Protein backbone atom coordinates (compact mmCIF):
# COMPACT_ATOMS: atom_id res chain seq x y z
CA MET A 1 -19.28 33.30 84.38
CA SER A 2 -21.58 35.55 82.45
CA HIS A 3 -23.91 34.47 79.72
CA ARG A 4 -21.76 36.13 77.10
CA GLU A 5 -18.65 34.36 78.25
CA ARG A 6 -20.41 31.00 78.24
CA ARG A 7 -21.55 31.63 74.68
CA LYS A 8 -18.01 32.46 73.55
CA THR A 9 -16.71 29.32 75.20
CA ARG A 10 -19.38 27.26 73.46
CA TYR A 11 -18.54 28.78 70.05
CA ARG A 12 -14.85 28.22 70.61
CA ARG A 13 -15.39 24.56 71.44
CA LEU A 14 -17.67 24.16 68.43
CA SER A 15 -15.06 25.69 66.14
CA HIS A 16 -12.45 23.33 67.51
CA VAL A 17 -14.77 20.39 66.77
CA LEU A 18 -15.40 21.65 63.23
CA VAL A 19 -11.69 22.04 62.60
CA LEU A 20 -11.09 18.56 63.95
CA ILE A 21 -13.81 17.12 61.70
CA LEU A 22 -12.39 18.94 58.67
CA LEU A 23 -8.91 17.69 59.47
CA MET A 24 -10.22 14.13 59.77
CA LEU A 25 -11.97 14.44 56.41
CA ILE A 26 -8.80 15.70 54.78
CA LEU A 27 -6.79 12.86 56.28
CA ALA A 28 -9.43 10.34 55.16
CA TRP A 29 -9.35 11.78 51.63
CA ILE A 30 -5.54 11.59 51.56
CA TYR A 31 -5.57 8.03 52.89
CA ASP A 32 -8.18 7.00 50.32
CA GLY A 33 -6.16 8.57 47.52
CA LEU A 34 -2.89 7.01 48.63
CA PHE A 35 -3.95 3.56 49.86
CA LEU A 36 -7.56 2.73 49.01
CA SER A 37 -8.25 4.29 45.60
CA ARG A 38 -7.03 2.44 42.51
CA HIS A 39 -7.23 5.43 40.21
CA ILE A 40 -4.06 5.75 38.16
CA ARG A 41 -3.27 9.33 37.27
CA SER A 42 -0.60 10.66 34.98
CA ASP A 43 0.21 13.95 33.30
CA ASP A 44 2.87 12.26 31.16
CA ALA A 45 0.45 11.65 28.31
CA TYR A 46 0.04 13.02 24.81
CA VAL A 47 -2.20 12.73 21.77
CA ALA A 48 -0.94 10.32 19.11
CA GLY A 49 -2.07 9.33 15.64
CA ASN A 50 -0.93 7.89 12.34
CA VAL A 51 1.54 10.15 10.56
CA ILE A 52 1.27 9.11 6.90
CA PRO A 53 4.41 9.80 4.85
CA VAL A 54 3.97 11.04 1.29
CA GLN A 55 7.03 10.05 -0.72
CA ALA A 56 8.15 10.52 -4.29
CA LEU A 57 7.37 7.31 -6.18
CA VAL A 58 9.49 8.23 -9.22
CA PRO A 59 12.45 10.62 -9.63
CA GLY A 60 11.89 13.95 -11.33
CA VAL A 61 11.65 17.72 -11.09
CA ILE A 62 8.73 19.26 -9.18
CA THR A 63 6.67 21.48 -11.48
CA GLN A 64 3.78 22.32 -9.14
CA VAL A 65 2.87 21.88 -5.48
CA HIS A 66 -0.90 21.91 -5.02
CA VAL A 67 -1.12 21.88 -1.21
CA ASP A 68 0.45 23.38 1.88
CA ASN A 69 0.51 22.78 5.62
CA SER A 70 -2.85 22.57 7.46
CA MET A 71 -4.84 22.11 4.24
CA PRO A 72 -7.38 19.24 4.22
CA VAL A 73 -7.02 16.66 1.45
CA ARG A 74 -9.00 13.66 0.25
CA ALA A 75 -7.62 10.27 -0.72
CA GLY A 76 -6.57 10.32 -4.38
CA GLN A 77 -6.24 14.11 -4.55
CA VAL A 78 -3.20 15.32 -6.55
CA LEU A 79 -0.62 16.85 -4.21
CA VAL A 80 2.47 17.31 -6.38
CA ASP A 81 3.18 17.30 -10.12
CA GLU A 82 6.53 16.24 -11.55
CA GLU A 83 7.94 16.98 -15.00
CA GLN A 84 6.66 14.18 -17.26
CA SER A 85 8.53 14.60 -20.57
CA LEU A 86 11.04 11.81 -19.98
CA SER A 87 8.50 9.41 -18.51
CA ARG A 88 6.15 10.13 -21.42
CA GLN A 89 8.93 9.38 -23.91
CA ARG A 90 9.71 6.10 -22.17
CA MET A 91 6.05 5.15 -22.22
CA ASN A 92 5.69 6.03 -25.90
CA GLY A 93 8.81 3.99 -26.71
CA ASP A 94 7.46 0.96 -24.86
CA ALA A 95 4.11 1.39 -26.61
CA ALA A 96 5.88 1.32 -29.98
CA ALA A 97 7.86 -1.77 -28.91
CA LEU A 98 4.63 -3.50 -27.93
CA ALA A 99 3.00 -2.70 -31.27
CA ASP A 100 6.12 -3.92 -33.10
CA ALA A 101 6.04 -7.20 -31.15
CA VAL A 102 2.41 -7.67 -32.15
CA ARG A 103 3.33 -7.10 -35.81
CA GLN A 104 6.20 -9.59 -35.62
CA ILE A 105 4.10 -12.33 -34.08
CA TYR A 106 1.23 -11.61 -36.45
CA SER A 107 3.71 -11.88 -39.33
CA ALA A 108 4.97 -15.19 -37.92
CA VAL A 109 1.40 -16.49 -37.78
CA GLU A 110 0.78 -15.39 -41.36
CA GLN A 111 4.07 -16.97 -42.45
CA SER A 112 3.11 -20.21 -40.76
CA ASP A 113 -0.23 -20.24 -42.59
CA GLN A 114 1.52 -19.47 -45.87
CA ASP A 115 4.01 -22.31 -45.30
CA ALA A 116 1.13 -24.67 -44.58
CA ARG A 117 -0.58 -23.65 -47.83
CA GLU A 118 2.68 -24.11 -49.72
CA ILE A 119 3.07 -27.62 -48.30
CA SER A 120 -0.47 -28.45 -49.37
CA THR A 121 0.24 -27.18 -52.90
CA LEU A 122 3.46 -29.17 -53.13
CA ARG A 123 1.74 -32.27 -51.81
CA ALA A 124 -0.97 -31.94 -54.45
CA GLU A 125 1.68 -31.46 -57.14
CA GLN A 126 3.56 -34.50 -55.87
CA GLU A 127 0.42 -36.60 -56.00
CA LYS A 128 -0.23 -35.42 -59.59
CA LEU A 129 3.32 -36.24 -60.66
CA SER A 130 3.10 -39.65 -59.00
CA GLU A 131 -0.08 -40.36 -60.95
CA ASP A 132 1.56 -39.13 -64.16
CA LEU A 133 4.57 -41.33 -63.48
CA ARG A 134 2.30 -44.36 -63.08
CA ARG A 135 0.56 -43.65 -66.39
CA TYR A 136 3.84 -42.86 -68.18
CA THR A 137 5.38 -46.10 -66.91
CA GLU A 138 2.45 -48.15 -68.23
CA ALA A 139 2.50 -46.31 -71.57
CA ALA A 140 6.27 -46.72 -71.90
CA GLU A 141 5.90 -50.50 -71.79
CA GLY A 142 3.78 -50.31 -74.95
CA GLY A 143 6.09 -47.74 -76.56
CA ALA A 144 3.52 -44.93 -76.40
CA VAL A 145 5.70 -42.75 -74.19
CA SER A 146 9.45 -42.44 -74.32
CA GLN A 147 11.64 -43.44 -71.41
CA ILE A 148 12.90 -39.86 -71.20
CA LYS A 149 9.41 -38.69 -70.24
CA VAL A 150 9.37 -41.21 -67.41
CA SER A 151 12.83 -40.10 -66.22
CA ASP A 152 11.85 -36.40 -66.33
CA THR A 153 8.74 -37.11 -64.28
CA GLN A 154 10.78 -39.00 -61.72
CA ALA A 155 13.19 -36.06 -61.51
CA ASP A 156 10.27 -33.64 -61.04
CA ILE A 157 8.94 -35.81 -58.21
CA THR A 158 12.35 -35.70 -56.51
CA ILE A 159 12.50 -31.91 -56.83
CA VAL A 160 9.00 -31.49 -55.41
CA HIS A 161 9.87 -33.84 -52.55
CA ARG A 162 12.89 -31.74 -51.62
CA GLN A 163 10.80 -28.58 -51.85
CA MET A 164 8.27 -30.17 -49.50
CA GLU A 165 11.03 -31.04 -47.02
CA ALA A 166 12.30 -27.44 -47.09
CA ALA A 167 8.78 -26.05 -46.73
CA GLN A 168 8.06 -28.49 -43.90
CA ALA A 169 11.22 -27.42 -42.01
CA LYS A 170 10.30 -23.77 -42.49
CA TYR A 171 6.76 -24.42 -41.29
CA GLU A 172 7.93 -26.30 -38.21
CA LYS A 173 10.30 -23.48 -37.31
CA ALA A 174 7.51 -20.89 -37.59
CA TRP A 175 5.08 -23.16 -35.76
CA ALA A 176 7.54 -23.68 -32.89
CA GLU A 177 7.49 -19.92 -32.32
CA ILE A 178 3.70 -19.55 -32.21
CA ALA A 179 2.50 -23.01 -31.23
CA HIS A 180 -0.48 -23.21 -28.86
CA THR A 181 -0.75 -19.45 -28.38
CA THR A 182 -2.37 -16.36 -29.81
CA VAL A 183 -0.81 -13.06 -30.77
CA ALA A 184 -1.93 -11.39 -27.53
CA GLU A 185 -0.72 -14.30 -25.38
CA HIS A 186 2.62 -14.83 -27.07
CA PRO A 187 5.59 -14.56 -24.62
CA GLN A 188 7.30 -11.88 -26.70
CA VAL A 189 4.14 -9.77 -26.73
CA LEU A 190 3.57 -10.37 -23.01
CA GLN A 191 7.12 -9.24 -22.27
CA LYS A 192 6.68 -6.00 -24.18
CA ARG A 193 3.23 -5.60 -22.63
CA ALA A 194 4.73 -5.81 -19.11
CA ALA A 195 7.40 -3.24 -20.02
CA PHE A 196 4.73 -0.86 -21.33
CA MET A 197 2.58 -1.31 -18.22
CA THR A 198 5.60 -0.51 -16.02
CA SER A 199 6.35 2.72 -17.89
CA TYR A 200 2.63 3.57 -17.90
CA ILE A 201 2.46 3.26 -14.10
CA GLN A 202 5.65 5.30 -13.71
CA PHE A 203 4.15 8.00 -15.89
CA TYR A 204 0.97 7.90 -13.79
CA ARG A 205 2.95 8.15 -10.55
CA ALA A 206 4.64 11.36 -11.65
CA ARG A 207 1.52 12.94 -10.13
CA THR A 208 1.77 12.26 -6.40
CA ARG A 209 -1.63 11.65 -4.81
CA ALA A 210 -2.84 11.63 -1.22
CA PRO A 211 -2.99 8.04 0.09
CA VAL A 212 -5.64 8.81 2.75
CA ASP A 213 -7.93 11.58 3.97
CA GLY A 214 -6.33 14.02 6.38
CA TYR A 215 -4.45 17.29 6.79
CA ILE A 216 -1.11 18.28 5.29
CA ALA A 217 1.84 18.73 7.64
CA ASN A 218 5.62 19.00 7.35
CA ARG A 219 5.74 20.01 3.67
CA ARG A 220 9.36 19.72 2.58
CA ILE A 221 9.51 20.41 -1.15
CA GLN A 222 9.35 23.39 -3.47
CA ALA A 223 8.61 23.85 -7.16
CA GLY A 224 11.73 23.24 -9.24
CA GLU A 225 13.26 20.83 -6.75
CA ASN A 226 14.76 17.61 -8.09
CA VAL A 227 13.46 14.70 -6.01
CA THR A 228 14.53 11.07 -5.87
CA THR A 229 12.48 7.92 -5.38
CA GLY A 230 11.52 7.50 -1.73
CA GLN A 231 12.20 11.13 -0.77
CA LEU A 232 9.77 12.44 1.85
CA LEU A 233 7.65 15.22 0.37
CA MET A 234 5.20 15.86 3.22
CA ASN A 235 3.02 14.10 5.79
CA ILE A 236 -0.72 13.60 6.11
CA ILE A 237 -2.35 13.51 9.55
CA PRO A 238 -5.80 11.84 9.75
CA LEU A 239 -7.31 13.82 12.65
CA GLN A 240 -10.39 11.60 12.82
CA ASP A 241 -8.34 8.63 14.04
CA LEU A 242 -6.41 9.67 17.15
CA TRP A 243 -5.61 8.07 20.48
CA VAL A 244 -3.74 8.96 23.67
CA THR A 245 -0.44 7.43 24.75
CA ALA A 246 0.04 7.66 28.50
CA ASN A 247 3.35 6.75 30.10
CA ILE A 248 2.41 4.97 33.32
CA ARG A 249 4.92 4.29 36.07
CA GLU A 250 5.78 0.64 36.47
CA THR A 251 4.80 0.84 40.14
CA ASP A 252 1.20 1.61 39.06
CA MET A 253 0.91 -1.24 36.58
CA ARG A 254 -0.30 -3.89 39.01
CA HIS A 255 -4.01 -3.27 38.58
CA LEU A 256 -3.94 -1.83 35.04
CA ARG A 257 -5.97 -3.81 32.50
CA PRO A 258 -7.29 -3.22 28.95
CA GLY A 259 -10.91 -2.08 28.89
CA GLN A 260 -10.75 0.11 32.01
CA PRO A 261 -12.48 3.50 31.67
CA VAL A 262 -10.37 6.65 31.43
CA ILE A 263 -11.12 10.33 31.89
CA MET A 264 -8.76 12.71 30.12
CA VAL A 265 -8.29 16.45 30.21
CA ALA A 266 -6.63 18.51 27.48
CA ALA A 267 -5.73 22.15 27.96
CA SER A 268 -6.61 23.32 24.45
CA HIS A 269 -6.65 27.07 24.02
CA VAL A 270 -7.97 28.62 27.23
CA GLU A 271 -10.71 26.10 27.94
CA GLU A 272 -10.27 22.65 29.42
CA HIS A 273 -12.12 19.85 27.66
CA THR A 274 -12.86 16.47 29.21
CA TYR A 275 -12.61 13.35 27.08
CA HIS A 276 -13.68 9.80 27.82
CA GLY A 277 -12.09 6.60 26.61
CA GLN A 278 -10.79 3.24 27.68
CA VAL A 279 -7.48 1.44 27.90
CA LEU A 280 -6.92 -0.26 24.55
CA GLY A 281 -3.65 -1.99 25.20
CA ILE A 282 -0.36 -1.93 27.07
CA GLU A 283 2.83 -1.69 25.06
CA PRO A 284 4.95 -4.85 25.27
CA ALA A 285 8.10 -2.92 26.24
CA GLY A 286 9.17 0.28 27.92
CA GLY A 287 10.46 3.28 26.05
CA SER A 288 14.07 2.70 27.13
CA THR A 289 14.09 -0.62 25.26
CA PHE A 290 13.95 1.19 21.90
CA SER A 291 16.21 4.11 22.80
CA LEU A 292 19.38 4.78 20.82
CA PHE A 293 21.51 3.86 23.83
CA PRO A 294 19.55 1.36 25.94
CA PRO A 295 20.61 1.18 29.59
CA ASP A 296 23.22 -1.39 30.58
CA ASN A 297 22.87 -2.19 34.26
CA SER A 298 25.10 -5.25 34.23
CA THR A 299 27.95 -3.30 35.90
CA GLY A 300 25.88 -2.83 39.03
CA ASN A 301 26.86 0.82 39.21
CA TYR A 302 23.55 2.49 38.47
CA ILE A 303 20.76 4.52 40.05
CA HIS A 304 17.36 2.88 39.96
CA ILE A 305 14.79 5.03 38.17
CA VAL A 306 11.13 4.13 38.01
CA GLU A 307 10.46 3.24 34.38
CA ARG A 308 7.32 4.17 32.50
CA ILE A 309 5.31 1.88 30.21
CA PRO A 310 3.32 3.37 27.29
CA VAL A 311 -0.41 2.64 27.50
CA ARG A 312 -2.75 3.25 24.57
CA ILE A 313 -6.09 4.90 25.36
CA SER A 314 -8.99 5.45 22.99
CA LEU A 315 -10.70 8.78 22.32
CA ASN A 316 -14.44 9.18 21.87
CA ARG A 317 -15.07 10.15 18.22
CA GLU A 318 -18.01 12.42 19.01
CA GLU A 319 -16.03 14.29 21.66
CA LEU A 320 -13.08 14.46 19.30
CA GLN A 321 -15.30 15.95 16.60
CA ARG A 322 -16.68 18.58 18.98
CA HIS A 323 -13.26 19.46 20.37
CA PRO A 324 -10.56 18.51 17.83
CA LEU A 325 -7.10 17.54 19.03
CA ARG A 326 -3.71 17.39 17.34
CA PRO A 327 -1.00 14.76 17.71
CA GLY A 328 1.58 15.87 20.24
CA MET A 329 -0.83 17.78 22.49
CA SER A 330 -0.47 17.11 26.22
CA MET A 331 -3.13 15.29 28.17
CA THR A 332 -3.84 14.40 31.79
CA VAL A 333 -5.35 10.94 32.28
CA ASP A 334 -7.24 9.32 35.15
CA ILE A 335 -7.63 5.54 34.79
CA ASP A 336 -10.21 3.77 36.94
CA SER A 337 -8.29 0.59 37.69
CA ASP A 338 -10.95 -0.77 40.10
CA GLN A 339 -12.50 -2.67 37.18
CA GLU A 340 -9.95 -5.44 36.70
CA GLN A 341 -11.91 -8.59 37.37
CA GLY A 342 -11.81 -11.20 34.63
CA GLN A 343 -9.57 -9.15 32.34
CA ASP A 344 -6.26 -10.33 30.90
CA VAL A 345 -3.36 -7.92 31.09
CA LEU A 346 -2.08 -9.28 27.76
CA GLN A 347 -5.40 -8.60 26.05
CA SER A 348 -5.45 -5.87 23.39
CA LYS A 349 -8.40 -3.91 22.07
CA VAL A 350 -6.33 -2.05 19.48
CA SER A 351 -7.75 -2.34 15.96
CA ALA A 352 -6.20 -1.55 12.58
CA ALA A 353 -9.56 -1.39 10.79
CA SER A 354 -9.83 2.39 10.42
CA ALA A 355 -9.39 4.28 7.16
CA SER A 356 -5.93 5.60 8.09
CA TYR A 357 -4.50 2.06 7.97
CA VAL A 358 -5.32 1.38 4.32
CA THR A 359 -5.05 3.12 0.98
CA THR A 360 -6.79 2.15 -2.26
CA ILE A 361 -5.46 4.84 -4.59
CA TYR A 362 -3.11 2.38 -6.32
CA ASP A 363 -5.78 -0.20 -7.10
CA ARG A 364 -6.61 1.35 -10.48
CA GLU A 365 -3.01 1.66 -11.69
CA LEU A 366 -2.67 -1.93 -12.83
CA THR A 367 -6.18 -2.01 -14.29
CA ASP A 368 -5.68 1.19 -16.28
CA ALA A 369 -2.25 0.07 -17.49
CA SER A 370 -3.67 -3.28 -18.59
CA LYS A 371 -6.49 -1.59 -20.49
CA ALA A 372 -4.04 0.74 -22.24
CA ALA A 373 -1.85 -2.22 -23.29
CA ASP A 374 -4.84 -4.19 -24.55
CA ARG A 375 -5.95 -1.16 -26.53
CA ILE A 376 -2.55 -0.96 -28.29
CA ILE A 377 -2.68 -4.67 -29.14
CA ALA A 378 -6.26 -4.45 -30.44
CA GLU A 379 -5.60 -1.35 -32.55
CA THR A 380 -2.45 -2.89 -34.07
CA LEU A 381 -4.26 -6.11 -34.97
CA HIS A 382 -7.14 -4.08 -36.41
CA LYS A 383 -4.75 -2.27 -38.74
CA LEU A 384 -2.97 -5.48 -39.74
CA LEU A 385 -6.26 -7.09 -40.66
CA GLY A 386 -6.81 -4.27 -43.13
CA HIS A 387 -9.74 -2.62 -41.38
CA GLY A 388 -7.89 0.44 -40.19
């Protein structure tokens, strides 16, 4: 065998060894992926977030729509205006009723004071007549005063006494209406005050405001449309508070625990972005449990299908800010389930402390309505006292 032939034989054997080594590496990688690795992978995942409904709080006709889909809005920003003529008339009518209630109770208080003064006057007159009767009786014994004068005085005392009884009954009736209260705290005034505050808030709510920060989506109304209370006008999507919902096969759930790290890939535009997060929680039921027609396997005639359980995964806020996502976008997740020691499968790291879970735009409604009612009461009393 020549030197060249020996070299070819050596190269051929070396290539066979290299192929064998490569094949062994591939088999080892496959074995590790199938039997040794605890990485849970799924492409049945999508971006999720809070979809905030914006509904009509009062019925009316839309006069202006200030926003449209994809526009950013801030909490408290006016989104839609409704025609306010009827609600303004109702508010003005309730304001007049409140002022009238204040006048009535103020008049009752004044009448009560007047009745008390009248009783005092009658009591003083009765005391004077009683003293006169005593003197007339003594003088009549000596013949200085006629008996008729004594009789007339007695009759006057009787008349005054009856007048006092009538005045006392009138006073007690007025006092029963205003006893132990002020004009502003009288039940009749409070009732009219509550009615005014209700109409004030309804008038205020004719301007629909954004409950949270976010972006407009699914606008459903047009100018001139007649809307009813509770009708969906649009939605707001807070893009700063998103997460990923991955549907994991039940056969992969054995080693899945909250807190495990996750690597996610989203094919946004033409560039793939990698996101990092962790398992926040495992849904307490599979998707089929809440379906319109849940499966009924009690007949025994069914085909077993591997169910999937929704798993909630966090998104890194900094990565989300650099590469924004939208609810509904597809994701591929890789969960490192090796880290399961000391973790409870029923544990949940989900939190409802973010801004998209709370709205404060209605906090001022009651305060403003109360101030407006107090202003009507104060102005009415000011005029009644003669300083207006």
